[in-house]
């Protein structure tokens, strides 16, 4: 909770000057940014950088940009054409407040603003350091782009007739794990990690993200609104196949625990990895 609050203070600074009375765009963007959340992807980027450097100030714009990208993806996921959700984080979804057209534009705005923030940070430094920042931004762009996050969303909307466990794992890797892999690789790059170390970070993030999504599936079946801040049973009501609905909750738990074990193994070679071990345990036991 403390780390999330610290991240929010950094994030909100990018929205303090966005005020425009002729359109609800900025209000809509800020509504979703301000709606809470665990800020896990932002925290993961910063904590990953701390594995390699005591100074993570250069990572802050990139961590904030990641949260903007994540929030845009949630706004679009919740739209009637995709998940048709009513609540997110205990509050009405963006489109329920501002309408579908403004919600789409708010998502677009957050995505574009994220790249404005990262590019501005990259241009503040000399060519050598800027190149490192562009490498980090490329990881974030790639894992949130048409080969990963967006592709996963697209497959997910069209996969119901041919769904199997392997395809579900692919969807989970792209829709969910990608937004841990890209940010954590970016944090490692900015902090000066080696290619071998970045590969270990990538393996950790992939397994963590897969476990996280399976936990989400299980909670959709077993949780309630007060726990999750959103309607439960949505997957079943939308006739959506998940790993937990396909394998059963116990086997889904077992699969999730296997991914967590692999994640812990990937991160264990690093000094001061306690945060990530605790994050793994949180994913296993989480109730929200």
C-alpha atoms as a PDB file:
ATOM      1  CA  UNK A   1       0.000   0.000   0.000  1.00  0.00           C
ATOM      2  CA  UNK A   2       2.837   2.423   0.841  1.00  0.00           C
ATOM      3  CA  UNK A   3       4.562   1.765  -2.477  1.00  0.00           C
ATOM      4  CA  UNK A   4       1.268   2.273  -4.327  1.00  0.00           C
ATOM      5  CA  UNK A   5       0.723   5.631  -2.605  1.00  0.00           C
ATOM      6  CA  UNK A   6       4.247   6.759  -3.472  1.00  0.00           C
ATOM      7  CA  UNK A   7       3.701   5.781  -7.092  1.00  0.00           C
ATOM      8  CA  UNK A   8       0.393   7.614  -7.250  1.00  0.00           C
ATOM      9  CA  UNK A   9       2.015  10.826  -6.015  1.00  0.00           C
ATOM     10  CA  UNK A  10       4.518  10.587  -8.877  1.00  0.00           C
ATOM     11  CA  UNK A  11       1.843   9.669 -11.416  1.00  0.00           C
ATOM     12  CA  UNK A  12      -0.645  12.379 -10.499  1.00  0.00           C
ATOM     13  CA  UNK A  13       1.947  15.112 -11.152  1.00  0.00           C
ATOM     14  CA  UNK A  14       1.597  14.426 -14.873  1.00  0.00           C
ATOM     15  CA  UNK A  15      -2.100  15.270 -14.696  1.00  0.00           C
ATOM     16  CA  UNK A  16      -2.069  18.380 -12.520  1.00  0.00           C
ATOM     17  CA  UNK A  17      -1.959  20.771 -15.483  1.00  0.00           C
ATOM     18  CA  UNK A  18      -4.545  18.988 -17.622  1.00  0.00           C
ATOM     19  CA  UNK A  19      -7.661  21.128 -17.384  1.00  0.00           C
ATOM     20  CA  UNK A  20      -9.921  22.056 -20.253  1.00  0.00           C
ATOM     21  CA  UNK A  21     -13.523  23.218 -19.885  1.00  0.00           C
ATOM     22  CA  UNK A  22     -14.457  22.730 -23.565  1.00  0.00           C
ATOM     23  CA  UNK A  23     -14.276  18.935 -23.474  1.00  0.00           C
ATOM     24  CA  UNK A  24     -14.506  16.117 -20.933  1.00  0.00           C
ATOM     25  CA  UNK A  25     -11.387  14.442 -22.338  1.00  0.00           C
ATOM     26  CA  UNK A  26      -8.974  15.337 -19.531  1.00  0.00           C
ATOM     27  CA  UNK A  27     -11.627  14.782 -16.886  1.00  0.00           C
ATOM     28  CA  UNK A  28     -12.312  11.342 -18.330  1.00  0.00           C
ATOM     29  CA  UNK A  29      -8.604  10.469 -18.440  1.00  0.00           C
ATOM     30  CA  UNK A  30      -8.104  11.588 -14.854  1.00  0.00           C
ATOM     31  CA  UNK A  31     -11.209   9.739 -13.689  1.00  0.00           C
ATOM     32  CA  UNK A  32      -9.665   6.397 -14.582  1.00  0.00           C
ATOM     33  CA  UNK A  33      -6.134   7.311 -13.504  1.00  0.00           C
ATOM     34  CA  UNK A  34      -7.487   8.409 -10.119  1.00  0.00           C
ATOM     35  CA  UNK A  35      -9.659   5.342  -9.588  1.00  0.00           C
ATOM     36  CA  UNK A  36      -7.094   3.471  -7.520  1.00  0.00           C
ATOM     37  CA  UNK A  37      -5.569   0.114  -8.264  1.00  0.00           C
ATOM     38  CA  UNK A  38      -2.521  -1.746  -7.073  1.00  0.00           C
ATOM     39  CA  UNK A  39      -0.062   0.090  -9.397  1.00  0.00           C
ATOM     40  CA  UNK A  40       1.739  -3.261  -9.625  1.00  0.00           C
ATOM     41  CA  UNK A  41       3.261  -2.727 -13.055  1.00  0.00           C
ATOM     42  CA  UNK A  42       4.603   0.681 -12.098  1.00  0.00           C
ATOM     43  CA  UNK A  43       5.984  -0.695  -8.837  1.00  0.00           C
ATOM     44  CA  UNK A  44       7.474  -3.697 -10.627  1.00  0.00           C
ATOM     45  CA  UNK A  45       9.411  -1.430 -13.019  1.00  0.00           C
ATOM     46  CA  UNK A  46      10.864   0.652 -10.200  1.00  0.00           C
ATOM     47  CA  UNK A  47      11.652  -2.300  -7.946  1.00  0.00           C
ATOM     48  CA  UNK A  48      13.289  -4.104 -10.848  1.00  0.00           C
ATOM     49  CA  UNK A  49      15.538  -1.101 -11.421  1.00  0.00           C
ATOM     50  CA  UNK A  50      16.467  -1.168  -7.725  1.00  0.00           C
ATOM     51  CA  UNK A  51      17.919  -4.644  -8.214  1.00  0.00           C
ATOM     52  CA  UNK A  52      20.680  -2.990 -10.246  1.00  0.00           C
ATOM     53  CA  UNK A  53      20.921   0.608  -9.034  1.00  0.00           C
ATOM     54  CA  UNK A  54      20.217   2.643  -5.915  1.00  0.00           C
ATOM     55  CA  UNK A  55      19.160   5.629  -8.070  1.00  0.00           C
ATOM     56  CA  UNK A  56      15.921   4.991  -9.974  1.00  0.00           C
ATOM     57  CA  UNK A  57      14.941   8.606 -10.622  1.00  0.00           C
ATOM     58  CA  UNK A  58      15.433   8.196 -14.373  1.00  0.00           C
ATOM     59  CA  UNK A  59      12.887   5.355 -14.346  1.00  0.00           C
ATOM     60  CA  UNK A  60      10.020   7.418 -12.916  1.00  0.00           C
ATOM     61  CA  UNK A  61       8.647   8.806 -16.237  1.00  0.00           C
ATOM     62  CA  UNK A  62       8.679   5.312 -17.708  1.00  0.00           C
ATOM     63  CA  UNK A  63       6.924   3.829 -14.685  1.00  0.00           C
ATOM     64  CA  UNK A  64       4.241   6.515 -14.887  1.00  0.00           C
ATOM     65  CA  UNK A  65       3.856   5.890 -18.618  1.00  0.00           C
ATOM     66  CA  UNK A  66       3.339   2.178 -17.958  1.00  0.00           C
ATOM     67  CA  UNK A  67       0.475   2.981 -15.602  1.00  0.00           C
ATOM     68  CA  UNK A  68      -1.095   5.209 -18.253  1.00  0.00           C
ATOM     69  CA  UNK A  69      -0.866   2.388 -20.800  1.00  0.00           C
ATOM     70  CA  UNK A  70      -2.320  -0.126 -18.355  1.00  0.00           C
ATOM     71  CA  UNK A  71      -5.195   2.218 -17.523  1.00  0.00           C
ATOM     72  CA  UNK A  72      -5.965   2.825 -21.208  1.00  0.00           C
ATOM     73  CA  UNK A  73      -6.144  -0.937 -21.754  1.00  0.00           C
ATOM     74  CA  UNK A  74      -8.617  -1.315 -18.887  1.00  0.00           C
ATOM     75  CA  UNK A  75     -10.851   1.475 -20.204  1.00  0.00           C
ATOM     76  CA  UNK A  76     -11.009  -0.231 -23.601  1.00  0.00           C
ATOM     77  CA  UNK A  77     -11.401  -3.730 -22.096  1.00  0.00           C
ATOM     78  CA  UNK A  78     -14.459  -2.564 -20.170  1.00  0.00           C
ATOM     79  CA  UNK A  79     -16.267  -1.202 -23.241  1.00  0.00           C
ATOM     80  CA  UNK A  80     -19.527  -2.876 -24.343  1.00  0.00           C
ATOM     81  CA  UNK A  81     -17.874  -4.151 -27.512  1.00  0.00           C
ATOM     82  CA  UNK A  82     -15.291  -6.117 -25.499  1.00  0.00           C
ATOM     83  CA  UNK A  83     -16.033  -7.144 -21.879  1.00  0.00           C
ATOM     84  CA  UNK A  84     -19.124  -4.969 -21.356  1.00  0.00           C
ATOM     85  CA  UNK A  85     -18.196  -4.316 -17.712  1.00  0.00           C
ATOM     86  CA  UNK A  86     -20.079  -2.018 -15.378  1.00  0.00           C
ATOM     87  CA  UNK A  87     -17.597  -1.482 -12.534  1.00  0.00           C
ATOM     88  CA  UNK A  88     -13.845  -1.208 -12.226  1.00  0.00           C
ATOM     89  CA  UNK A  89     -12.022  -0.814  -8.883  1.00  0.00           C
ATOM     90  CA  UNK A  90     -15.299  -0.232  -7.076  1.00  0.00           C
ATOM     91  CA  UNK A  91     -16.418   2.631  -9.310  1.00  0.00           C
ATOM     92  CA  UNK A  92     -18.458   2.816 -12.477  1.00  0.00           C
ATOM     93  CA  UNK A  93     -16.426   2.163 -15.600  1.00  0.00           C
ATOM     94  CA  UNK A  94     -15.319   5.169 -17.618  1.00  0.00           C
ATOM     95  CA  UNK A  95     -17.892   4.642 -20.374  1.00  0.00           C
ATOM     96  CA  UNK A  96     -20.690   4.484 -17.800  1.00  0.00           C
ATOM     97  CA  UNK A  97     -19.810   8.024 -16.702  1.00  0.00           C
ATOM     98  CA  UNK A  98     -18.591   9.704 -19.883  1.00  0.00           C
ATOM     99  CA  UNK A  99     -20.122   7.611 -22.656  1.00  0.00           C
ATOM    100  CA  UNK A 100     -18.469   5.212 -25.051  1.00  0.00           C
ATOM    101  CA  UNK A 101     -16.996   7.772 -27.443  1.00  0.00           C
ATOM    102  CA  UNK A 102     -15.263   9.754 -24.690  1.00  0.00           C
ATOM    103  CA  UNK A 103     -14.051   6.565 -22.997  1.00  0.00           C
ATOM    104  CA  UNK A 104     -12.442   5.460 -26.265  1.00  0.00           C
ATOM    105  CA  UNK A 105     -10.802   8.871 -26.641  1.00  0.00           C
ATOM    106  CA  UNK A 106      -9.662   8.884 -22.998  1.00  0.00           C
ATOM    107  CA  UNK A 107      -7.969   5.536 -23.605  1.00  0.00           C
ATOM    108  CA  UNK A 108      -6.378   6.885 -26.783  1.00  0.00           C
ATOM    109  CA  UNK A 109      -5.267   9.963 -24.868  1.00  0.00           C
ATOM    110  CA  UNK A 110      -3.608   7.969 -22.097  1.00  0.00           C
ATOM    111  CA  UNK A 111      -1.788   5.755 -24.582  1.00  0.00           C
ATOM    112  CA  UNK A 112      -0.452   8.704 -26.574  1.00  0.00           C
ATOM    113  CA  UNK A 113       0.392  10.712 -23.453  1.00  0.00           C
ATOM    114  CA  UNK A 114       2.475   7.773 -22.178  1.00  0.00           C
ATOM    115  CA  UNK A 115       4.721   8.034 -25.223  1.00  0.00           C
ATOM    116  CA  UNK A 116       4.898  11.818 -24.955  1.00  0.00           C
ATOM    117  CA  UNK A 117       6.163  11.395 -21.381  1.00  0.00           C
ATOM    118  CA  UNK A 118       8.758   8.760 -22.296  1.00  0.00           C
ATOM    119  CA  UNK A 119      10.020  10.651 -25.338  1.00  0.00           C
ATOM    120  CA  UNK A 120      10.323  13.898 -23.380  1.00  0.00           C
ATOM    121  CA  UNK A 121      12.358  12.093 -20.713  1.00  0.00           C
ATOM    122  CA  UNK A 122      14.595  10.533 -23.372  1.00  0.00           C
ATOM    123  CA  UNK A 123      15.309  13.900 -25.030  1.00  0.00           C
ATOM    124  CA  UNK A 124      16.491  15.470 -21.769  1.00  0.00           C
ATOM    125  CA  UNK A 125      19.817  13.605 -21.903  1.00  0.00           C
ATOM    126  CA  UNK A 126      22.825  13.203 -24.171  1.00  0.00           C
ATOM    127  CA  UNK A 127      22.840  10.781 -27.064  1.00  0.00           C
ATOM    128  CA  UNK A 128      24.299   7.858 -25.106  1.00  0.00           C
ATOM    129  CA  UNK A 129      21.778   7.982 -22.311  1.00  0.00           C
ATOM    130  CA  UNK A 130      18.929   8.791 -24.689  1.00  0.00           C
ATOM    131  CA  UNK A 131      19.706   5.598 -26.617  1.00  0.00           C
ATOM    132  CA  UNK A 132      19.344   3.575 -23.411  1.00  0.00           C
ATOM    133  CA  UNK A 133      15.996   5.264 -22.712  1.00  0.00           C
ATOM    134  CA  UNK A 134      14.812   4.542 -26.256  1.00  0.00           C
ATOM    135  CA  UNK A 135      15.735   0.873 -25.745  1.00  0.00           C
ATOM    136  CA  UNK A 136      13.591   0.865 -22.603  1.00  0.00           C
ATOM    137  CA  UNK A 137      10.728   2.588 -24.401  1.00  0.00           C
ATOM    138  CA  UNK A 138      10.978   0.043 -27.214  1.00  0.00           C
ATOM    139  CA  UNK A 139      10.390  -2.776 -24.700  1.00  0.00           C
ATOM    140  CA  UNK A 140       7.325  -1.019 -23.291  1.00  0.00           C
ATOM    141  CA  UNK A 141       6.021  -0.269 -26.792  1.00  0.00           C
ATOM    142  CA  UNK A 142       6.603  -3.811 -28.039  1.00  0.00           C
ATOM    143  CA  UNK A 143       4.968  -5.566 -25.098  1.00  0.00           C
ATOM    144  CA  UNK A 144       1.962  -3.230 -25.121  1.00  0.00           C
ATOM    145  CA  UNK A 145       1.646  -3.302 -28.887  1.00  0.00           C
ATOM    146  CA  UNK A 146       0.298  -5.304 -31.788  1.00  0.00           C
ATOM    147  CA  UNK A 147       2.479  -8.346 -31.159  1.00  0.00           C
ATOM    148  CA  UNK A 148       1.651  -8.708 -27.490  1.00  0.00           C
ATOM    149  CA  UNK A 149      -1.048  -6.901 -25.454  1.00  0.00           C
ATOM    150  CA  UNK A 150      -3.243  -5.785 -28.342  1.00  0.00           C
ATOM    151  CA  UNK A 151      -2.803  -9.085 -30.180  1.00  0.00           C
ATOM    152  CA  UNK A 152      -3.786 -10.939 -27.016  1.00  0.00           C
ATOM    153  CA  UNK A 153      -6.914  -8.813 -26.717  1.00  0.00           C
ATOM    154  CA  UNK A 154      -7.762  -9.507 -30.365  1.00  0.00           C
ATOM    155  CA  UNK A 155      -7.298 -13.269 -30.022  1.00  0.00           C
ATOM    156  CA  UNK A 156      -9.353 -13.226 -26.839  1.00  0.00           C
ATOM    157  CA  UNK A 157     -12.334 -11.630 -28.594  1.00  0.00           C
ATOM    158  CA  UNK A 158     -12.375 -14.232 -31.368  1.00  0.00           C
ATOM    159  CA  UNK A 159     -11.157 -17.453 -29.756  1.00  0.00           C
ATOM    160  CA  UNK A 160     -14.307 -18.968 -28.292  1.00  0.00           C
ATOM    161  CA  UNK A 161     -14.955 -21.534 -31.021  1.00  0.00           C
ATOM    162  CA  UNK A 162     -11.460 -23.076 -30.979  1.00  0.00           C
ATOM    163  CA  UNK A 163     -10.342 -22.488 -27.398  1.00  0.00           C
ATOM    164  CA  UNK A 164      -7.997 -24.882 -25.592  1.00  0.00           C
ATOM    165  CA  UNK A 165      -5.541 -24.631 -22.702  1.00  0.00           C
ATOM    166  CA  UNK A 166      -2.558 -23.832 -24.920  1.00  0.00           C
ATOM    167  CA  UNK A 167      -4.422 -20.994 -26.629  1.00  0.00           C
ATOM    168  CA  UNK A 168      -5.534 -19.658 -23.250  1.00  0.00           C
ATOM    169  CA  UNK A 169      -1.913 -19.647 -22.069  1.00  0.00           C
ATOM    170  CA  UNK A 170      -0.979 -17.686 -25.189  1.00  0.00           C
ATOM    171  CA  UNK A 171      -3.735 -15.164 -24.516  1.00  0.00           C
ATOM    172  CA  UNK A 172      -2.671 -14.820 -20.876  1.00  0.00           C
ATOM    173  CA  UNK A 173       0.974 -14.360 -21.844  1.00  0.00           C
ATOM    174  CA  UNK A 174       0.077 -11.592 -24.268  1.00  0.00           C
ATOM    175  CA  UNK A 175      -2.812  -9.875 -22.466  1.00  0.00           C
ATOM    176  CA  UNK A 176      -1.454  -9.979 -18.928  1.00  0.00           C
ATOM    177  CA  UNK A 177       2.163 -11.121 -18.661  1.00  0.00           C
ATOM    178  CA  UNK A 178       3.288  -8.735 -21.408  1.00  0.00           C
ATOM    179  CA  UNK A 179       2.501  -5.777 -19.165  1.00  0.00           C
ATOM    180  CA  UNK A 180       4.869  -7.150 -16.547  1.00  0.00           C
ATOM    181  CA  UNK A 181       7.607  -8.221 -18.985  1.00  0.00           C
ATOM    182  CA  UNK A 182       7.952  -4.936 -20.907  1.00  0.00           C
ATOM    183  CA  UNK A 183       8.002  -2.659 -17.844  1.00  0.00           C
ATOM    184  CA  UNK A 184      10.419  -4.851 -15.892  1.00  0.00           C
ATOM    185  CA  UNK A 185      12.795  -5.182 -18.830  1.00  0.00           C
ATOM    186  CA  UNK A 186      12.641  -1.397 -19.252  1.00  0.00           C
ATOM    187  CA  UNK A 187      13.516  -0.812 -15.602  1.00  0.00           C
ATOM    188  CA  UNK A 188      16.416  -3.253 -15.850  1.00  0.00           C
ATOM    189  CA  UNK A 189      17.750  -1.599 -19.012  1.00  0.00           C
ATOM    190  CA  UNK A 190      17.684   1.911 -17.538  1.00  0.00           C
ATOM    191  CA  UNK A 191      19.420   0.652 -14.380  1.00  0.00           C
ATOM    192  CA  UNK A 192      22.222  -0.964 -16.389  1.00  0.00           C
ATOM    193  CA  UNK A 193      21.431  -4.685 -16.219  1.00  0.00           C
ATOM    194  CA  UNK A 194      23.260  -7.130 -18.477  1.00  0.00           C
ATOM    195  CA  UNK A 195      21.529  -9.099 -21.232  1.00  0.00           C
ATOM    196  CA  UNK A 196      21.716 -12.272 -19.113  1.00  0.00           C
ATOM    197  CA  UNK A 197      20.123 -10.474 -16.179  1.00  0.00           C
ATOM    198  CA  UNK A 198      17.401  -9.041 -18.420  1.00  0.00           C
ATOM    199  CA  UNK A 199      16.617 -12.551 -19.680  1.00  0.00           C
ATOM    200  CA  UNK A 200      16.114 -13.719 -16.076  1.00  0.00           C
ATOM    201  CA  UNK A 201      13.865 -10.734 -15.399  1.00  0.00           C
ATOM    202  CA  UNK A 202      11.824 -11.589 -18.497  1.00  0.00           C
ATOM    203  CA  UNK A 203      11.331 -15.203 -17.345  1.00  0.00           C
ATOM    204  CA  UNK A 204      10.259 -14.022 -13.930  1.00  0.00           C
ATOM    205  CA  UNK A 205       7.759 -11.528 -15.350  1.00  0.00           C
ATOM    206  CA  UNK A 206       6.249 -14.051 -17.769  1.00  0.00           C
ATOM    207  CA  UNK A 207       5.585 -16.605 -15.043  1.00  0.00           C
ATOM    208  CA  UNK A 208       4.333 -13.961 -12.623  1.00  0.00           C
ATOM    209  CA  UNK A 209       1.909 -12.613 -15.226  1.00  0.00           C
ATOM    210  CA  UNK A 210       0.549 -16.057 -16.083  1.00  0.00           C
ATOM    211  CA  UNK A 211      -0.063 -16.789 -12.407  1.00  0.00           C
ATOM    212  CA  UNK A 212      -1.664 -13.385 -11.933  1.00  0.00           C
ATOM    213  CA  UNK A 213      -4.197 -13.984 -14.716  1.00  0.00           C
ATOM    214  CA  UNK A 214      -5.114 -17.446 -13.454  1.00  0.00           C
ATOM    215  CA  UNK A 215      -5.688 -15.931 -10.014  1.00  0.00           C
ATOM    216  CA  UNK A 216      -7.976 -13.372 -11.686  1.00  0.00           C
ATOM    217  CA  UNK A 217      -9.947 -16.172 -13.320  1.00  0.00           C
ATOM    218  CA  UNK A 218     -10.371 -17.967 -10.015  1.00  0.00           C
ATOM    219  CA  UNK A 219     -11.424 -14.798  -8.216  1.00  0.00           C
ATOM    220  CA  UNK A 220     -14.041 -14.124 -10.881  1.00  0.00           C
ATOM    221  CA  UNK A 221     -15.601 -17.444  -9.878  1.00  0.00           C
ATOM    222  CA  UNK A 222     -15.022 -17.352  -6.117  1.00  0.00           C
ATOM    223  CA  UNK A 223     -14.787 -13.662  -5.130  1.00  0.00           C
ATOM    224  CA  UNK A 224     -17.415 -10.990  -4.626  1.00  0.00           C
ATOM    225  CA  UNK A 225     -17.914  -7.338  -5.480  1.00  0.00           C
ATOM    226  CA  UNK A 226     -16.678  -6.051  -2.110  1.00  0.00           C
ATOM    227  CA  UNK A 227     -13.399  -7.915  -2.551  1.00  0.00           C
ATOM    228  CA  UNK A 228     -12.741  -7.114  -6.165  1.00  0.00           C
ATOM    229  CA  UNK A 229     -14.470  -3.785  -6.798  1.00  0.00           C
ATOM    230  CA  UNK A 230     -16.155  -5.181  -9.899  1.00  0.00           C
ATOM    231  CA  UNK A 231     -18.942  -7.581 -10.737  1.00  0.00           C
ATOM    232  CA  UNK A 232     -17.963 -11.226 -10.420  1.00  0.00           C
ATOM    233  CA  UNK A 233     -19.147 -14.106 -12.556  1.00  0.00           C
ATOM    234  CA  UNK A 234     -18.581 -11.984 -15.668  1.00  0.00           C
ATOM    235  CA  UNK A 235     -16.668 -14.711 -17.488  1.00  0.00           C
ATOM    236  CA  UNK A 236     -19.478 -17.199 -16.981  1.00  0.00           C
ATOM    237  CA  UNK A 237     -22.214 -14.728 -17.883  1.00  0.00           C
ATOM    238  CA  UNK A 238     -20.330 -13.817 -21.072  1.00  0.00           C
ATOM    239  CA  UNK A 239     -19.794 -17.526 -21.911  1.00  0.00           C
ATOM    240  CA  UNK A 240     -16.062 -16.899 -21.716  1.00  0.00           C
ATOM    241  CA  UNK A 241     -13.773 -19.890 -21.287  1.00  0.00           C
ATOM    242  CA  UNK A 242     -10.930 -19.509 -18.782  1.00  0.00           C
ATOM    243  CA  UNK A 243      -8.324 -21.889 -17.432  1.00  0.00           C
ATOM    244  CA  UNK A 244     -10.252 -22.235 -14.177  1.00  0.00           C
ATOM    245  CA  UNK A 245     -13.530 -22.983 -15.964  1.00  0.00           C
ATOM    246  CA  UNK A 246     -11.805 -25.459 -18.255  1.00  0.00           C
ATOM    247  CA  UNK A 247      -9.616 -27.287 -15.724  1.00  0.00           C
ATOM    248  CA  UNK A 248     -11.512 -26.614 -12.506  1.00  0.00           C
ATOM    249  CA  UNK A 249     -10.411 -24.375  -9.650  1.00  0.00           C
ATOM    250  CA  UNK A 250      -8.054 -26.842  -7.940  1.00  0.00           C
ATOM    251  CA  UNK A 251      -6.120 -27.679 -11.106  1.00  0.00           C
ATOM    252  CA  UNK A 252      -5.998 -23.987 -11.960  1.00  0.00           C
ATOM    253  CA  UNK A 253      -4.505 -23.313  -8.512  1.00  0.00           C
ATOM    254  CA  UNK A 254      -1.921 -26.029  -9.132  1.00  0.00           C
ATOM    255  CA  UNK A 255      -0.971 -24.508 -12.484  1.00  0.00           C
ATOM    256  CA  UNK A 256      -0.688 -21.065 -10.905  1.00  0.00           C
ATOM    257  CA  UNK A 257       1.555 -22.409  -8.136  1.00  0.00           C
ATOM    258  CA  UNK A 258       3.800 -23.984 -10.767  1.00  0.00           C
ATOM    259  CA  UNK A 259       4.209 -20.640 -12.500  1.00  0.00           C
ATOM    260  CA  UNK A 260       4.967 -18.966  -9.179  1.00  0.00           C
ATOM    261  CA  UNK A 261       7.646 -21.567  -8.414  1.00  0.00           C
ATOM    262  CA  UNK A 262       9.233 -20.882 -11.811  1.00  0.00           C
ATOM    263  CA  UNK A 263       9.062 -17.132 -11.171  1.00  0.00           C
ATOM    264  CA  UNK A 264      10.798 -17.494  -7.805  1.00  0.00           C
ATOM    265  CA  UNK A 265      13.499 -19.619  -9.382  1.00  0.00           C
ATOM    266  CA  UNK A 266      14.121 -16.996 -12.078  1.00  0.00           C
ATOM    267  CA  UNK A 267      14.487 -14.137  -9.587  1.00  0.00           C
ATOM    268  CA  UNK A 268      16.373 -16.017  -6.862  1.00  0.00           C
ATOM    269  CA  UNK A 269      19.834 -15.331  -8.323  1.00  0.00           C
ATOM    270  CA  UNK A 270      19.502 -11.608  -7.595  1.00  0.00           C
ATOM    271  CA  UNK A 271      20.500 -10.000  -4.321  1.00  0.00           C
ATOM    272  CA  UNK A 272      17.756  -8.115  -2.483  1.00  0.00           C
ATOM    273  CA  UNK A 273      14.950  -9.887  -4.316  1.00  0.00           C
ATOM    274  CA  UNK A 274      12.726 -10.067  -1.211  1.00  0.00           C
ATOM    275  CA  UNK A 275      10.112  -7.739  -2.718  1.00  0.00           C
ATOM    276  CA  UNK A 276       9.622 -10.027  -5.701  1.00  0.00           C
ATOM    277  CA  UNK A 277       9.419 -13.154  -3.548  1.00  0.00           C
ATOM    278  CA  UNK A 278       6.730 -11.393  -1.489  1.00  0.00           C
ATOM    279  CA  UNK A 279       4.979 -10.359  -4.701  1.00  0.00           C
ATOM    280  CA  UNK A 280       4.889 -14.012  -5.776  1.00  0.00           C
ATOM    281  CA  UNK A 281       3.336 -14.994  -2.454  1.00  0.00           C
ATOM    282  CA  UNK A 282       0.814 -12.180  -2.781  1.00  0.00           C
ATOM    283  CA  UNK A 283      -0.232 -13.445  -6.225  1.00  0.00           C
ATOM    284  CA  UNK A 284      -0.741 -16.946  -4.824  1.00  0.00           C
ATOM    285  CA  UNK A 285      -2.812 -15.793  -1.863  1.00  0.00           C
ATOM    286  CA  UNK A 286      -4.497 -12.656  -3.135  1.00  0.00           C
ATOM    287  CA  UNK A 287      -8.184 -11.995  -2.578  1.00  0.00           C
ATOM    288  CA  UNK A 288      -8.583  -8.879  -4.738  1.00  0.00           C
END
